[in-house]
Amino acid sequence: MSRAFIGVGSNEGDRLACISTAVKALGQTEGIRVVQMATIIETEPVGGPPQGPYLNTVVEISTTLDPQALLAALQHIEKALGRVPSKERWAPRPIDLDILLFDERILNTPQLQIPHPRLHERRFVLEPLAQLAPDVVHPVLRRTVADLFSQAFNGSVAQ
């Protein structure tokens, strides 16, 4: 079994229902067991066109899937919840599921980068991830999640 962390976000429609449905769908996917979920926080969007605030969280899973199969499962859930591919980067969406970390793996393909390339820059990911796994070490930066969060945001909590 592998340990992975999934970033979950929503800023369209009933955001809380979308997150709840996505996490439930994760747990119902063969080869995935939801271990724990961080507190849901509301954050302002980063980049992209003008849009409403997001609800964000991080979910820890245990999985027998490889990273590519996990990505396919996440994309299937996104599609089922109404996410439509957009040509505009960081456009609003009913659900966004991202693989943040997958064991200590480092993967860099056109379809998938692990660890997530902007993980260490994003409060909406680091804050809930630090809640779940402060001692997990970023496999590229070789620093703990708690250290990355503290350094990037002085340990302060999102509004």
N, C-alpha and C. Protein backbone atom coordinates (compact mmCIF):
# COMPACT_ATOMS: atom_id res chain seq x y z
N MET A 1 0.84 -1.19 0.00
CA MET A 1 0.00 0.00 0.00
C MET A 1 0.88 1.25 0.00
N SER A 2 0.47 2.21 -0.78
CA SER A 2 1.17 3.49 -0.83
C SER A 2 0.37 4.53 -0.07
N ARG A 3 1.08 5.53 0.44
CA ARG A 3 0.47 6.65 1.14
C ARG A 3 0.53 7.85 0.21
N ALA A 4 -0.63 8.48 0.01
CA ALA A 4 -0.68 9.64 -0.87
C ALA A 4 -1.54 10.72 -0.23
N PHE A 5 -1.30 11.94 -0.66
CA PHE A 5 -2.07 13.09 -0.19
C PHE A 5 -2.68 13.77 -1.40
N ILE A 6 -3.99 14.01 -1.32
CA ILE A 6 -4.75 14.59 -2.42
C ILE A 6 -5.26 15.96 -2.00
N GLY A 7 -4.95 16.98 -2.82
CA GLY A 7 -5.52 18.30 -2.61
C GLY A 7 -6.91 18.33 -3.20
N VAL A 8 -7.85 18.89 -2.45
CA VAL A 8 -9.25 18.95 -2.88
C VAL A 8 -9.71 20.39 -2.79
N GLY A 9 -10.27 20.92 -3.89
CA GLY A 9 -10.76 22.29 -3.88
C GLY A 9 -12.01 22.43 -4.72
N SER A 10 -12.81 23.46 -4.38
CA SER A 10 -14.04 23.74 -5.12
C SER A 10 -14.37 25.22 -4.99
N ASN A 11 -14.78 25.85 -6.11
CA ASN A 11 -15.27 27.22 -6.02
C ASN A 11 -16.46 27.50 -6.93
N GLU A 12 -17.14 26.45 -7.35
CA GLU A 12 -18.38 26.63 -8.14
C GLU A 12 -19.47 25.76 -7.55
N GLY A 13 -20.69 26.28 -7.58
CA GLY A 13 -21.82 25.50 -7.11
C GLY A 13 -21.79 25.35 -5.60
N ASP A 14 -22.37 24.26 -5.10
CA ASP A 14 -22.37 23.96 -3.68
C ASP A 14 -21.01 23.36 -3.33
N ARG A 15 -20.07 24.23 -2.98
CA ARG A 15 -18.68 23.83 -2.78
C ARG A 15 -18.52 22.73 -1.74
N LEU A 16 -19.20 22.86 -0.62
CA LEU A 16 -19.09 21.86 0.44
C LEU A 16 -19.63 20.50 -0.03
N ALA A 17 -20.74 20.52 -0.73
CA ALA A 17 -21.31 19.26 -1.25
C ALA A 17 -20.38 18.62 -2.27
N CYS A 18 -19.75 19.43 -3.11
CA CYS A 18 -18.81 18.89 -4.10
C CYS A 18 -17.63 18.21 -3.41
N ILE A 19 -17.08 18.85 -2.38
CA ILE A 19 -15.96 18.27 -1.66
C ILE A 19 -16.39 16.98 -0.97
N SER A 20 -17.54 17.02 -0.32
CA SER A 20 -18.04 15.84 0.38
C SER A 20 -18.26 14.67 -0.58
N THR A 21 -18.86 14.96 -1.72
CA THR A 21 -19.12 13.92 -2.71
C THR A 21 -17.81 13.38 -3.28
N ALA A 22 -16.84 14.25 -3.52
CA ALA A 22 -15.55 13.81 -4.06
C ALA A 22 -14.82 12.90 -3.07
N VAL A 23 -14.82 13.26 -1.80
CA VAL A 23 -14.13 12.45 -0.80
C VAL A 23 -14.84 11.10 -0.64
N LYS A 24 -16.16 11.13 -0.68
CA LYS A 24 -16.92 9.87 -0.62
C LYS A 24 -16.59 8.99 -1.83
N ALA A 25 -16.53 9.60 -3.01
CA ALA A 25 -16.19 8.85 -4.23
C ALA A 25 -14.78 8.28 -4.16
N LEU A 26 -13.86 9.04 -3.59
CA LEU A 26 -12.49 8.53 -3.40
C LEU A 26 -12.53 7.24 -2.58
N GLY A 27 -13.26 7.27 -1.47
CA GLY A 27 -13.34 6.12 -0.59
C GLY A 27 -14.05 4.92 -1.20
N GLN A 28 -14.86 5.17 -2.24
CA GLN A 28 -15.59 4.09 -2.91
C GLN A 28 -14.85 3.56 -4.13
N THR A 29 -13.70 4.13 -4.43
CA THR A 29 -12.92 3.71 -5.59
C THR A 29 -12.07 2.51 -5.20
N GLU A 30 -12.13 1.48 -6.03
CA GLU A 30 -11.35 0.28 -5.76
C GLU A 30 -9.87 0.63 -5.70
N GLY A 31 -9.22 0.13 -4.65
CA GLY A 31 -7.79 0.38 -4.48
C GLY A 31 -7.46 1.63 -3.70
N ILE A 32 -8.50 2.34 -3.21
CA ILE A 32 -8.27 3.56 -2.43
C ILE A 32 -9.02 3.46 -1.11
N ARG A 33 -8.33 3.81 -0.03
CA ARG A 33 -8.96 3.91 1.28
C ARG A 33 -8.64 5.30 1.84
N VAL A 34 -9.68 6.05 2.20
CA VAL A 34 -9.47 7.36 2.81
C VAL A 34 -9.05 7.15 4.25
N VAL A 35 -7.91 7.74 4.62
CA VAL A 35 -7.36 7.60 5.97
C VAL A 35 -7.84 8.73 6.86
N GLN A 36 -7.67 9.97 6.38
CA GLN A 36 -8.09 11.13 7.15
C GLN A 36 -8.20 12.35 6.24
N MET A 37 -8.94 13.34 6.73
CA MET A 37 -9.13 14.57 5.97
C MET A 37 -8.87 15.76 6.89
N ALA A 38 -8.18 16.76 6.37
CA ALA A 38 -7.91 17.99 7.13
C ALA A 38 -9.18 18.84 7.20
N THR A 39 -9.12 19.84 8.06
CA THR A 39 -10.19 20.82 8.16
C THR A 39 -10.34 21.54 6.81
N ILE A 40 -11.57 21.84 6.44
CA ILE A 40 -11.83 22.58 5.20
C ILE A 40 -11.64 24.07 5.51
N ILE A 41 -10.87 24.74 4.64
CA ILE A 41 -10.63 26.17 4.81
C ILE A 41 -11.12 26.91 3.57
N GLU A 42 -11.47 28.17 3.74
CA GLU A 42 -11.87 29.01 2.61
C GLU A 42 -10.70 29.91 2.26
N THR A 43 -10.36 29.96 0.97
CA THR A 43 -9.22 30.75 0.52
C THR A 43 -9.57 31.51 -0.75
N GLU A 44 -8.86 32.58 -0.97
CA GLU A 44 -9.02 33.34 -2.21
C GLU A 44 -8.31 32.59 -3.34
N PRO A 45 -8.82 32.71 -4.57
CA PRO A 45 -8.17 32.03 -5.69
C PRO A 45 -6.77 32.59 -5.94
N VAL A 46 -5.90 31.73 -6.47
CA VAL A 46 -4.54 32.12 -6.83
C VAL A 46 -4.43 32.01 -8.34
N GLY A 47 -4.16 33.13 -9.00
CA GLY A 47 -4.04 33.13 -10.46
C GLY A 47 -5.39 33.00 -11.13
N GLY A 48 -5.35 33.01 -12.45
CA GLY A 48 -6.57 32.81 -13.23
C GLY A 48 -7.44 34.05 -13.30
N PRO A 49 -8.62 33.89 -13.91
CA PRO A 49 -9.55 35.01 -14.08
C PRO A 49 -10.23 35.35 -12.74
N PRO A 50 -10.90 36.51 -12.67
CA PRO A 50 -11.65 36.83 -11.45
C PRO A 50 -12.67 35.72 -11.17
N GLN A 51 -12.73 35.30 -9.90
CA GLN A 51 -13.62 34.21 -9.51
C GLN A 51 -13.82 34.22 -8.02
N GLY A 52 -14.78 33.45 -7.57
CA GLY A 52 -15.11 33.38 -6.15
C GLY A 52 -14.10 32.58 -5.36
N PRO A 53 -14.22 32.64 -4.02
CA PRO A 53 -13.30 31.92 -3.15
C PRO A 53 -13.48 30.40 -3.24
N TYR A 54 -12.43 29.72 -2.86
CA TYR A 54 -12.41 28.25 -2.84
C TYR A 54 -12.63 27.74 -1.42
N LEU A 55 -13.16 26.53 -1.35
CA LEU A 55 -13.04 25.72 -0.16
C LEU A 55 -11.96 24.71 -0.50
N ASN A 56 -11.02 24.49 0.42
CA ASN A 56 -9.90 23.58 0.18
C ASN A 56 -9.67 22.68 1.38
N THR A 57 -9.16 21.50 1.09
CA THR A 57 -8.72 20.57 2.12
C THR A 57 -7.71 19.63 1.51
N VAL A 58 -7.15 18.77 2.33
CA VAL A 58 -6.25 17.72 1.87
C VAL A 58 -6.74 16.41 2.50
N VAL A 59 -6.71 15.36 1.70
CA VAL A 59 -7.12 14.03 2.13
C VAL A 59 -5.92 13.10 2.04
N GLU A 60 -5.69 12.36 3.12
CA GLU A 60 -4.67 11.32 3.09
C GLU A 60 -5.36 10.02 2.69
N ILE A 61 -4.75 9.32 1.73
CA ILE A 61 -5.29 8.04 1.31
C ILE A 61 -4.22 6.96 1.40
N SER A 62 -4.68 5.75 1.45
CA SER A 62 -3.85 4.57 1.30
C SER A 62 -4.32 3.93 0.01
N THR A 63 -3.39 3.55 -0.86
CA THR A 63 -3.81 3.05 -2.17
C THR A 63 -2.92 1.94 -2.70
N THR A 64 -3.54 1.06 -3.47
CA THR A 64 -2.79 0.04 -4.19
C THR A 64 -2.57 0.47 -5.64
N LEU A 65 -3.15 1.60 -6.02
CA LEU A 65 -3.01 2.11 -7.39
C LEU A 65 -1.63 2.73 -7.58
N ASP A 66 -1.13 2.68 -8.81
CA ASP A 66 0.10 3.41 -9.11
C ASP A 66 -0.29 4.87 -9.39
N PRO A 67 0.66 5.78 -9.46
CA PRO A 67 0.32 7.20 -9.63
C PRO A 67 -0.54 7.49 -10.86
N GLN A 68 -0.26 6.85 -11.98
CA GLN A 68 -1.04 7.12 -13.20
C GLN A 68 -2.48 6.63 -13.04
N ALA A 69 -2.67 5.46 -12.44
CA ALA A 69 -4.02 4.94 -12.22
C ALA A 69 -4.77 5.82 -11.21
N LEU A 70 -4.05 6.34 -10.20
CA LEU A 70 -4.68 7.25 -9.25
C LEU A 70 -5.10 8.53 -9.95
N LEU A 71 -4.25 9.07 -10.80
CA LEU A 71 -4.61 10.27 -11.57
C LEU A 71 -5.87 10.02 -12.40
N ALA A 72 -5.94 8.87 -13.08
CA ALA A 72 -7.13 8.54 -13.88
C ALA A 72 -8.37 8.47 -13.00
N ALA A 73 -8.25 7.89 -11.81
CA ALA A 73 -9.39 7.81 -10.89
C ALA A 73 -9.84 9.21 -10.45
N LEU A 74 -8.87 10.09 -10.16
CA LEU A 74 -9.21 11.47 -9.76
C LEU A 74 -9.90 12.21 -10.90
N GLN A 75 -9.40 12.04 -12.11
CA GLN A 75 -10.02 12.71 -13.27
C GLN A 75 -11.43 12.18 -13.52
N HIS A 76 -11.65 10.90 -13.29
CA HIS A 76 -12.98 10.31 -13.44
C HIS A 76 -13.95 10.94 -12.43
N ILE A 77 -13.51 11.12 -11.19
CA ILE A 77 -14.35 11.75 -10.16
C ILE A 77 -14.63 13.20 -10.53
N GLU A 78 -13.61 13.92 -10.98
CA GLU A 78 -13.81 15.32 -11.39
C GLU A 78 -14.86 15.42 -12.49
N LYS A 79 -14.74 14.57 -13.49
CA LYS A 79 -15.69 14.59 -14.61
C LYS A 79 -17.10 14.27 -14.12
N ALA A 80 -17.23 13.27 -13.25
CA ALA A 80 -18.55 12.89 -12.72
C ALA A 80 -19.19 14.02 -11.92
N LEU A 81 -18.36 14.89 -11.34
CA LEU A 81 -18.88 16.01 -10.55
C LEU A 81 -19.01 17.30 -11.37
N GLY A 82 -18.88 17.18 -12.68
CA GLY A 82 -19.17 18.32 -13.55
C GLY A 82 -18.00 19.16 -13.97
N ARG A 83 -16.79 18.74 -13.69
CA ARG A 83 -15.65 19.52 -14.15
C ARG A 83 -15.48 19.32 -15.64
N VAL A 84 -15.41 20.44 -16.35
CA VAL A 84 -15.24 20.44 -17.79
C VAL A 84 -13.85 21.01 -18.09
N PRO A 85 -13.08 20.36 -18.95
CA PRO A 85 -11.75 20.91 -19.28
C PRO A 85 -11.86 22.35 -19.78
N SER A 86 -10.95 23.19 -19.33
CA SER A 86 -10.94 24.60 -19.72
C SER A 86 -9.60 24.92 -20.38
N LYS A 87 -9.66 25.77 -21.39
CA LYS A 87 -8.42 26.21 -22.04
C LYS A 87 -7.71 27.25 -21.18
N GLU A 88 -8.48 27.85 -20.26
CA GLU A 88 -7.91 28.88 -19.40
C GLU A 88 -7.35 28.24 -18.13
N ARG A 89 -6.10 28.53 -17.84
CA ARG A 89 -5.45 27.97 -16.66
C ARG A 89 -6.04 28.58 -15.40
N TRP A 90 -6.26 27.75 -14.40
CA TRP A 90 -6.77 28.15 -13.10
C TRP A 90 -8.16 28.77 -13.18
N ALA A 91 -8.97 28.29 -14.09
CA ALA A 91 -10.36 28.75 -14.21
C ALA A 91 -11.18 28.20 -13.05
N PRO A 92 -12.34 28.82 -12.75
CA PRO A 92 -13.21 28.29 -11.70
C PRO A 92 -13.62 26.85 -12.01
N ARG A 93 -13.90 26.07 -10.96
CA ARG A 93 -14.27 24.68 -11.18
C ARG A 93 -15.08 24.15 -10.00
N PRO A 94 -15.99 23.23 -10.28
CA PRO A 94 -16.77 22.65 -9.18
C PRO A 94 -15.92 21.76 -8.28
N ILE A 95 -14.89 21.14 -8.85
CA ILE A 95 -14.00 20.28 -8.06
C ILE A 95 -12.63 20.21 -8.71
N ASP A 96 -11.62 20.16 -7.88
CA ASP A 96 -10.25 20.03 -8.34
C ASP A 96 -9.57 19.03 -7.41
N LEU A 97 -9.04 17.96 -7.98
CA LEU A 97 -8.35 16.92 -7.21
C LEU A 97 -6.93 16.79 -7.74
N ASP A 98 -5.95 17.01 -6.88
CA ASP A 98 -4.54 16.96 -7.28
C ASP A 98 -3.76 16.02 -6.38
N ILE A 99 -2.90 15.20 -7.00
CA ILE A 99 -1.96 14.40 -6.22
C ILE A 99 -0.85 15.33 -5.76
N LEU A 100 -0.72 15.47 -4.45
CA LEU A 100 0.31 16.34 -3.89
C LEU A 100 1.59 15.58 -3.63
N LEU A 101 1.46 14.45 -2.95
CA LEU A 101 2.59 13.59 -2.61
C LEU A 101 2.14 12.14 -2.77
N PHE A 102 3.06 11.29 -3.16
CA PHE A 102 2.79 9.87 -3.31
C PHE A 102 4.01 9.14 -2.79
N ASP A 103 3.92 8.62 -1.55
CA ASP A 103 5.08 8.06 -0.87
C ASP A 103 6.23 9.07 -0.99
N GLU A 104 7.42 8.60 -1.28
CA GLU A 104 8.56 9.52 -1.46
C GLU A 104 8.89 9.64 -2.95
N ARG A 105 7.93 9.31 -3.78
CA ARG A 105 8.20 9.27 -5.22
C ARG A 105 8.39 10.66 -5.82
N ILE A 106 9.24 10.68 -6.84
CA ILE A 106 9.44 11.86 -7.67
C ILE A 106 9.12 11.41 -9.09
N LEU A 107 8.17 12.09 -9.70
CA LEU A 107 7.71 11.72 -11.04
C LEU A 107 7.55 13.00 -11.84
N ASN A 108 8.05 13.01 -13.06
CA ASN A 108 7.95 14.20 -13.89
C ASN A 108 7.65 13.78 -15.32
N THR A 109 6.36 13.72 -15.65
CA THR A 109 5.92 13.40 -17.00
C THR A 109 5.03 14.54 -17.48
N PRO A 110 4.73 14.61 -18.78
CA PRO A 110 3.83 15.67 -19.25
C PRO A 110 2.45 15.62 -18.58
N GLN A 111 2.01 14.43 -18.17
CA GLN A 111 0.68 14.28 -17.58
C GLN A 111 0.67 14.45 -16.07
N LEU A 112 1.79 14.19 -15.42
CA LEU A 112 1.78 14.13 -13.96
C LEU A 112 3.14 14.47 -13.37
N GLN A 113 3.12 15.39 -12.40
CA GLN A 113 4.33 15.73 -11.66
C GLN A 113 4.07 15.46 -10.18
N ILE A 114 4.94 14.65 -9.59
CA ILE A 114 4.87 14.36 -8.16
C ILE A 114 6.27 14.56 -7.60
N PRO A 115 6.40 15.33 -6.51
CA PRO A 115 5.36 16.06 -5.81
C PRO A 115 4.78 17.17 -6.68
N HIS A 116 3.58 17.62 -6.29
CA HIS A 116 2.94 18.70 -7.05
C HIS A 116 3.92 19.87 -7.13
N PRO A 117 4.12 20.43 -8.34
CA PRO A 117 5.18 21.42 -8.53
C PRO A 117 5.03 22.72 -7.74
N ARG A 118 3.83 23.09 -7.34
CA ARG A 118 3.63 24.34 -6.59
C ARG A 118 3.20 24.09 -5.14
N LEU A 119 3.33 22.86 -4.70
CA LEU A 119 2.94 22.48 -3.34
C LEU A 119 3.52 23.42 -2.29
N HIS A 120 4.79 23.70 -2.37
CA HIS A 120 5.49 24.49 -1.36
C HIS A 120 5.17 25.98 -1.39
N GLU A 121 4.42 26.42 -2.42
CA GLU A 121 4.08 27.84 -2.57
C GLU A 121 2.64 28.15 -2.22
N ARG A 122 1.84 27.14 -1.99
CA ARG A 122 0.40 27.33 -1.88
C ARG A 122 -0.11 27.10 -0.46
N ARG A 123 -0.55 28.18 0.16
CA ARG A 123 -1.08 28.10 1.51
C ARG A 123 -2.28 27.15 1.57
N PHE A 124 -3.14 27.20 0.54
CA PHE A 124 -4.36 26.38 0.57
C PHE A 124 -4.06 24.89 0.51
N VAL A 125 -2.82 24.54 0.20
CA VAL A 125 -2.39 23.14 0.22
C VAL A 125 -1.54 22.87 1.46
N LEU A 126 -0.58 23.74 1.73
CA LEU A 126 0.34 23.51 2.85
C LEU A 126 -0.34 23.53 4.21
N GLU A 127 -1.30 24.43 4.39
CA GLU A 127 -1.94 24.51 5.70
C GLU A 127 -2.68 23.22 6.07
N PRO A 128 -3.57 22.72 5.19
CA PRO A 128 -4.22 21.45 5.56
C PRO A 128 -3.27 20.26 5.54
N LEU A 129 -2.27 20.27 4.66
CA LEU A 129 -1.30 19.18 4.64
C LEU A 129 -0.49 19.16 5.93
N ALA A 130 -0.12 20.33 6.44
CA ALA A 130 0.63 20.42 7.70
C ALA A 130 -0.22 19.93 8.86
N GLN A 131 -1.52 20.09 8.76
CA GLN A 131 -2.42 19.59 9.81
C GLN A 131 -2.39 18.05 9.86
N LEU A 132 -2.33 17.42 8.69
CA LEU A 132 -2.37 15.96 8.61
C LEU A 132 -1.00 15.31 8.78
N ALA A 133 0.01 15.92 8.18
CA ALA A 133 1.31 15.24 8.08
C ALA A 133 2.47 16.23 8.21
N PRO A 134 2.60 16.88 9.36
CA PRO A 134 3.65 17.89 9.50
C PRO A 134 5.06 17.36 9.35
N ASP A 135 5.26 16.08 9.64
CA ASP A 135 6.61 15.50 9.60
C ASP A 135 6.97 14.83 8.29
N VAL A 136 6.03 14.81 7.34
CA VAL A 136 6.33 14.23 6.03
C VAL A 136 7.35 15.12 5.33
N VAL A 137 8.33 14.49 4.70
CA VAL A 137 9.41 15.23 4.03
C VAL A 137 9.12 15.33 2.54
N HIS A 138 9.20 16.56 2.03
CA HIS A 138 9.06 16.81 0.59
C HIS A 138 10.25 16.13 -0.09
N PRO A 139 10.00 15.20 -1.02
CA PRO A 139 11.10 14.40 -1.57
C PRO A 139 12.11 15.17 -2.44
N VAL A 140 11.75 16.33 -2.91
CA VAL A 140 12.68 17.12 -3.71
C VAL A 140 13.38 18.16 -2.84
N LEU A 141 12.61 18.89 -2.05
CA LEU A 141 13.16 19.97 -1.23
C LEU A 141 13.81 19.45 0.05
N ARG A 142 13.52 18.19 0.41
CA ARG A 142 14.08 17.54 1.59
C ARG A 142 13.81 18.32 2.88
N ARG A 143 12.62 18.90 2.98
CA ARG A 143 12.20 19.62 4.18
C ARG A 143 10.81 19.13 4.57
N THR A 144 10.52 19.20 5.87
CA THR A 144 9.20 18.74 6.31
C THR A 144 8.11 19.70 5.85
N VAL A 145 6.91 19.18 5.79
CA VAL A 145 5.76 20.01 5.43
C VAL A 145 5.60 21.15 6.44
N ALA A 146 5.76 20.85 7.73
CA ALA A 146 5.65 21.89 8.76
C ALA A 146 6.68 22.99 8.54
N ASP A 147 7.89 22.62 8.18
CA ASP A 147 8.95 23.61 7.93
C ASP A 147 8.61 24.45 6.70
N LEU A 148 8.14 23.82 5.65
CA LEU A 148 7.76 24.56 4.43
C LEU A 148 6.65 25.55 4.73
N PHE A 149 5.65 25.11 5.49
CA PHE A 149 4.53 25.98 5.83
C PHE A 149 4.99 27.14 6.70
N SER A 150 5.78 26.83 7.72
CA SER A 150 6.25 27.86 8.62
C SER A 150 7.11 28.89 7.91
N GLN A 151 7.99 28.43 7.05
CA GLN A 151 8.88 29.35 6.34
C GLN A 151 8.09 30.20 5.34
N ALA A 152 7.18 29.59 4.60
CA ALA A 152 6.45 30.32 3.56
C ALA A 152 5.42 31.28 4.15
N PHE A 153 4.81 30.89 5.27
CA PHE A 153 3.69 31.69 5.77
C PHE A 153 3.83 32.04 7.25
N ASN A 154 5.02 31.91 7.79
CA ASN A 154 5.30 32.21 9.19
C ASN A 154 4.35 31.49 10.13
N GLY A 155 3.84 30.32 9.69
CA GLY A 155 2.98 29.52 10.55
C GLY A 155 1.62 30.13 10.80
N SER A 156 1.28 31.22 10.10
CA SER A 156 -0.01 31.87 10.35
C SER A 156 -1.12 31.13 9.61
N VAL A 157 -2.32 31.21 10.16
CA VAL A 157 -3.47 30.49 9.63
C VAL A 157 -4.20 31.33 8.60
N ALA A 158 -4.71 30.70 7.55
CA ALA A 158 -5.45 31.41 6.50
C ALA A 158 -6.73 32.00 7.08
N GLN A 159 -7.13 33.08 6.51
CA GLN A 159 -8.37 33.76 6.95
C GLN A 159 -9.59 33.11 6.35
